[in-house]
N, C-alpha and C. Protein backbone atom coordinates (compact mmCIF):
# COMPACT_ATOMS: atom_id res chain seq x y z
N MET A 1 -28.80 -37.90 -45.61
CA MET A 1 -29.48 -38.08 -44.36
C MET A 1 -30.80 -38.77 -44.64
N ASP A 2 -31.04 -39.87 -44.01
CA ASP A 2 -32.30 -40.58 -44.18
C ASP A 2 -33.06 -40.50 -42.87
N TYR A 3 -34.28 -40.04 -42.91
CA TYR A 3 -35.07 -39.85 -41.70
C TYR A 3 -35.89 -41.07 -41.33
N THR A 4 -35.73 -42.15 -42.09
CA THR A 4 -36.46 -43.37 -41.81
C THR A 4 -35.51 -44.46 -41.36
N ASP A 5 -35.81 -45.12 -40.27
CA ASP A 5 -35.03 -46.26 -39.81
C ASP A 5 -35.64 -47.50 -40.46
N ALA A 6 -35.00 -47.98 -41.53
CA ALA A 6 -35.56 -49.08 -42.32
C ALA A 6 -35.75 -50.35 -41.49
N LYS A 7 -34.86 -50.60 -40.54
CA LYS A 7 -34.96 -51.81 -39.73
C LYS A 7 -36.17 -51.77 -38.81
N LYS A 8 -36.44 -50.61 -38.24
CA LYS A 8 -37.54 -50.49 -37.29
C LYS A 8 -38.82 -49.99 -37.95
N GLY A 9 -38.69 -49.40 -39.16
CA GLY A 9 -39.86 -48.87 -39.84
C GLY A 9 -40.39 -47.60 -39.20
N THR A 10 -39.57 -46.92 -38.41
CA THR A 10 -40.00 -45.70 -37.74
C THR A 10 -39.57 -44.48 -38.54
N THR A 11 -40.28 -43.39 -38.36
CA THR A 11 -39.95 -42.15 -39.03
C THR A 11 -39.66 -41.07 -38.01
N MET A 12 -39.02 -40.02 -38.49
CA MET A 12 -38.67 -38.90 -37.62
C MET A 12 -39.90 -38.04 -37.36
N ASN A 13 -40.03 -37.56 -36.13
CA ASN A 13 -41.10 -36.64 -35.78
C ASN A 13 -40.87 -35.30 -36.47
N CYS A 14 -41.94 -34.58 -36.75
CA CYS A 14 -41.84 -33.27 -37.37
C CYS A 14 -41.04 -32.33 -36.48
N THR A 15 -40.22 -31.47 -37.11
CA THR A 15 -39.38 -30.53 -36.37
C THR A 15 -40.09 -29.22 -36.06
N ILE A 16 -41.30 -29.03 -36.58
CA ILE A 16 -42.06 -27.81 -36.30
C ILE A 16 -42.69 -27.94 -34.92
N GLU A 17 -42.42 -26.97 -34.06
CA GLU A 17 -42.91 -27.02 -32.69
C GLU A 17 -44.43 -27.17 -32.63
N GLY A 18 -44.88 -28.16 -31.89
CA GLY A 18 -46.30 -28.40 -31.70
C GLY A 18 -46.95 -29.28 -32.75
N CYS A 19 -46.23 -29.59 -33.82
CA CYS A 19 -46.81 -30.42 -34.87
C CYS A 19 -46.66 -31.89 -34.49
N PRO A 20 -47.74 -32.66 -34.51
CA PRO A 20 -47.66 -34.08 -34.13
C PRO A 20 -47.28 -35.01 -35.29
N GLY A 21 -46.96 -34.43 -36.44
CA GLY A 21 -46.73 -35.24 -37.63
C GLY A 21 -45.40 -35.96 -37.67
N HIS A 22 -45.25 -36.79 -38.70
CA HIS A 22 -44.03 -37.55 -38.96
C HIS A 22 -43.65 -37.35 -40.43
N TYR A 23 -42.37 -37.44 -40.71
CA TYR A 23 -41.90 -37.26 -42.08
C TYR A 23 -42.06 -38.54 -42.89
N GLU A 24 -42.47 -38.36 -44.13
CA GLU A 24 -42.62 -39.47 -45.08
C GLU A 24 -41.81 -39.12 -46.32
N ARG A 25 -41.19 -40.11 -46.94
CA ARG A 25 -40.43 -39.89 -48.16
C ARG A 25 -41.40 -39.66 -49.31
N LYS A 26 -41.20 -38.54 -50.03
CA LYS A 26 -42.04 -38.20 -51.17
C LYS A 26 -41.19 -37.50 -52.22
N SER A 27 -41.79 -37.29 -53.36
CA SER A 27 -41.18 -36.54 -54.44
C SER A 27 -41.92 -35.21 -54.52
N VAL A 28 -41.17 -34.09 -54.53
CA VAL A 28 -41.80 -32.77 -54.52
C VAL A 28 -41.32 -31.93 -55.70
N THR A 29 -42.01 -30.86 -55.95
CA THR A 29 -41.58 -29.85 -56.91
C THR A 29 -40.99 -28.70 -56.10
N HIS A 30 -39.71 -28.40 -56.35
CA HIS A 30 -39.00 -27.38 -55.59
C HIS A 30 -38.85 -26.13 -56.45
N THR A 31 -39.29 -24.99 -55.92
CA THR A 31 -39.20 -23.71 -56.63
C THR A 31 -38.25 -22.81 -55.86
N VAL A 32 -37.31 -22.20 -56.60
CA VAL A 32 -36.32 -21.33 -55.97
C VAL A 32 -36.03 -20.16 -56.90
N ARG A 33 -35.75 -19.00 -56.33
CA ARG A 33 -35.32 -17.85 -57.12
C ARG A 33 -33.80 -17.87 -57.09
N HIS A 34 -33.19 -17.95 -58.28
CA HIS A 34 -31.73 -18.04 -58.40
C HIS A 34 -31.25 -17.00 -59.40
N LYS A 35 -30.42 -16.07 -58.92
CA LYS A 35 -29.88 -14.99 -59.77
C LYS A 35 -30.98 -14.26 -60.52
N GLY A 36 -32.06 -13.96 -59.81
CA GLY A 36 -33.16 -13.19 -60.38
C GLY A 36 -34.14 -13.98 -61.23
N GLU A 37 -33.91 -15.28 -61.40
CA GLU A 37 -34.81 -16.11 -62.18
C GLU A 37 -35.51 -17.12 -61.28
N VAL A 38 -36.74 -17.45 -61.66
CA VAL A 38 -37.47 -18.49 -60.94
C VAL A 38 -37.14 -19.82 -61.60
N VAL A 39 -36.64 -20.75 -60.79
CA VAL A 39 -36.27 -22.08 -61.28
C VAL A 39 -37.14 -23.11 -60.57
N VAL A 40 -37.76 -23.99 -61.35
CA VAL A 40 -38.61 -25.04 -60.80
C VAL A 40 -37.96 -26.38 -61.12
N ILE A 41 -37.73 -27.18 -60.09
CA ILE A 41 -37.12 -28.50 -60.24
C ILE A 41 -38.14 -29.53 -59.79
N ASP A 42 -38.50 -30.43 -60.69
CA ASP A 42 -39.54 -31.41 -60.42
C ASP A 42 -38.93 -32.74 -59.96
N HIS A 43 -39.71 -33.52 -59.26
CA HIS A 43 -39.34 -34.87 -58.81
C HIS A 43 -38.13 -34.88 -57.86
N VAL A 44 -38.11 -33.95 -56.92
CA VAL A 44 -37.03 -33.85 -55.94
C VAL A 44 -37.36 -34.74 -54.74
N PRO A 45 -36.46 -35.66 -54.38
CA PRO A 45 -36.73 -36.50 -53.21
C PRO A 45 -36.67 -35.66 -51.93
N ALA A 46 -37.64 -35.88 -51.05
CA ALA A 46 -37.72 -35.10 -49.82
C ALA A 46 -38.43 -35.90 -48.74
N GLU A 47 -38.31 -35.40 -47.54
CA GLU A 47 -39.08 -35.90 -46.41
C GLU A 47 -40.14 -34.83 -46.14
N VAL A 48 -41.43 -35.23 -46.15
CA VAL A 48 -42.53 -34.28 -46.02
C VAL A 48 -43.39 -34.68 -44.82
N CYS A 49 -43.68 -33.71 -43.94
CA CYS A 49 -44.52 -33.98 -42.77
C CYS A 49 -45.93 -34.31 -43.24
N ASP A 50 -46.47 -35.40 -42.68
CA ASP A 50 -47.81 -35.84 -43.07
C ASP A 50 -48.93 -34.99 -42.47
N VAL A 51 -48.59 -34.05 -41.58
CA VAL A 51 -49.60 -33.18 -40.99
C VAL A 51 -49.49 -31.75 -41.53
N CYS A 52 -48.33 -31.12 -41.36
CA CYS A 52 -48.19 -29.70 -41.71
C CYS A 52 -47.54 -29.46 -43.08
N GLY A 53 -46.95 -30.49 -43.67
CA GLY A 53 -46.35 -30.34 -44.99
C GLY A 53 -44.93 -29.80 -44.99
N ASP A 54 -44.31 -29.65 -43.82
CA ASP A 54 -42.91 -29.20 -43.76
C ASP A 54 -42.06 -30.12 -44.62
N VAL A 55 -41.07 -29.54 -45.33
CA VAL A 55 -40.24 -30.30 -46.26
C VAL A 55 -38.80 -30.24 -45.82
N LEU A 56 -38.14 -31.40 -45.77
CA LEU A 56 -36.72 -31.50 -45.48
C LEU A 56 -36.01 -32.17 -46.65
N PHE A 57 -34.83 -31.62 -47.02
CA PHE A 57 -34.00 -32.23 -48.05
C PHE A 57 -32.74 -32.79 -47.40
N SER A 58 -32.27 -33.92 -47.91
CA SER A 58 -31.02 -34.49 -47.42
C SER A 58 -29.86 -33.63 -47.93
N PRO A 59 -28.70 -33.70 -47.29
CA PRO A 59 -27.52 -32.97 -47.79
C PRO A 59 -27.18 -33.34 -49.23
N GLU A 60 -27.34 -34.61 -49.59
CA GLU A 60 -27.06 -35.05 -50.96
C GLU A 60 -28.01 -34.39 -51.96
N THR A 61 -29.27 -34.28 -51.58
CA THR A 61 -30.26 -33.64 -52.44
C THR A 61 -29.93 -32.16 -52.61
N ILE A 62 -29.56 -31.51 -51.53
CA ILE A 62 -29.20 -30.09 -51.60
C ILE A 62 -27.99 -29.90 -52.52
N ARG A 63 -26.98 -30.76 -52.40
CA ARG A 63 -25.82 -30.65 -53.27
C ARG A 63 -26.22 -30.83 -54.74
N HIS A 64 -27.13 -31.76 -55.00
CA HIS A 64 -27.57 -31.99 -56.37
C HIS A 64 -28.33 -30.77 -56.91
N ILE A 65 -29.19 -30.17 -56.10
CA ILE A 65 -29.90 -28.96 -56.49
C ILE A 65 -28.90 -27.84 -56.78
N GLU A 66 -27.91 -27.67 -55.94
CA GLU A 66 -26.88 -26.65 -56.15
C GLU A 66 -26.12 -26.89 -57.45
N LYS A 67 -25.86 -28.15 -57.78
CA LYS A 67 -25.17 -28.49 -59.03
C LYS A 67 -26.04 -28.11 -60.23
N ILE A 68 -27.34 -28.41 -60.15
CA ILE A 68 -28.26 -28.04 -61.22
C ILE A 68 -28.25 -26.52 -61.41
N LEU A 69 -28.33 -25.77 -60.31
CA LEU A 69 -28.37 -24.32 -60.39
C LEU A 69 -27.05 -23.74 -60.92
N ALA A 70 -25.94 -24.36 -60.57
CA ALA A 70 -24.63 -23.87 -61.02
C ALA A 70 -24.44 -24.05 -62.52
N HIS A 71 -24.95 -25.15 -63.06
CA HIS A 71 -24.75 -25.45 -64.48
C HIS A 71 -25.92 -25.04 -65.36
N LYS A 72 -27.08 -24.83 -64.74
CA LYS A 72 -28.29 -24.41 -65.43
C LYS A 72 -28.44 -25.04 -66.82
N PRO A 73 -28.68 -26.36 -66.86
CA PRO A 73 -28.91 -26.99 -68.16
C PRO A 73 -30.18 -26.44 -68.80
N GLU A 74 -30.35 -26.70 -70.08
CA GLU A 74 -31.57 -26.28 -70.78
C GLU A 74 -32.77 -26.92 -70.08
N PRO A 75 -33.80 -26.15 -69.77
CA PRO A 75 -34.96 -26.72 -69.06
C PRO A 75 -35.71 -27.72 -69.94
N ASP A 76 -36.35 -28.68 -69.29
CA ASP A 76 -37.16 -29.66 -70.00
C ASP A 76 -38.39 -29.01 -70.62
N THR A 77 -38.91 -28.00 -69.95
CA THR A 77 -40.09 -27.29 -70.43
C THR A 77 -40.08 -25.90 -69.82
N THR A 78 -40.89 -25.00 -70.34
CA THR A 78 -41.04 -23.67 -69.77
C THR A 78 -42.51 -23.43 -69.47
N VAL A 79 -42.75 -22.54 -68.52
CA VAL A 79 -44.13 -22.21 -68.14
C VAL A 79 -44.27 -20.70 -68.02
N PRO A 80 -45.48 -20.17 -68.22
CA PRO A 80 -45.67 -18.73 -68.04
C PRO A 80 -45.57 -18.37 -66.56
N LEU A 81 -45.07 -17.17 -66.30
CA LEU A 81 -44.95 -16.69 -64.93
C LEU A 81 -45.79 -15.43 -64.80
N TYR A 82 -46.71 -15.44 -63.87
CA TYR A 82 -47.58 -14.29 -63.65
C TYR A 82 -47.26 -13.66 -62.31
N GLU A 83 -47.25 -12.34 -62.27
CA GLU A 83 -46.96 -11.62 -61.03
C GLU A 83 -48.26 -11.23 -60.36
N TYR A 84 -48.34 -11.49 -59.07
CA TYR A 84 -49.52 -11.12 -58.28
C TYR A 84 -49.37 -9.66 -57.90
N ALA A 85 -50.08 -8.81 -58.57
CA ALA A 85 -49.94 -7.36 -58.27
C ALA A 85 -51.27 -6.67 -58.39
């Protein structure tokens, strides 16, 4: 799903009620808890609202994330995890 009409150069309005923003294509860091582990995936293509920061993923991107989580390849790097308590 592409939220940008390349021919017209228009973008989709934000889906958050009352937000006047528009989605822009960006690369984000996606963090998800999967089977009790925190998994961070960097450089994920997304549509991000330029006002409120709402993030939308295309169906293809979601399928790719699900594939990564299903196969859980060796991570490129590890980071410390601290609990806020």
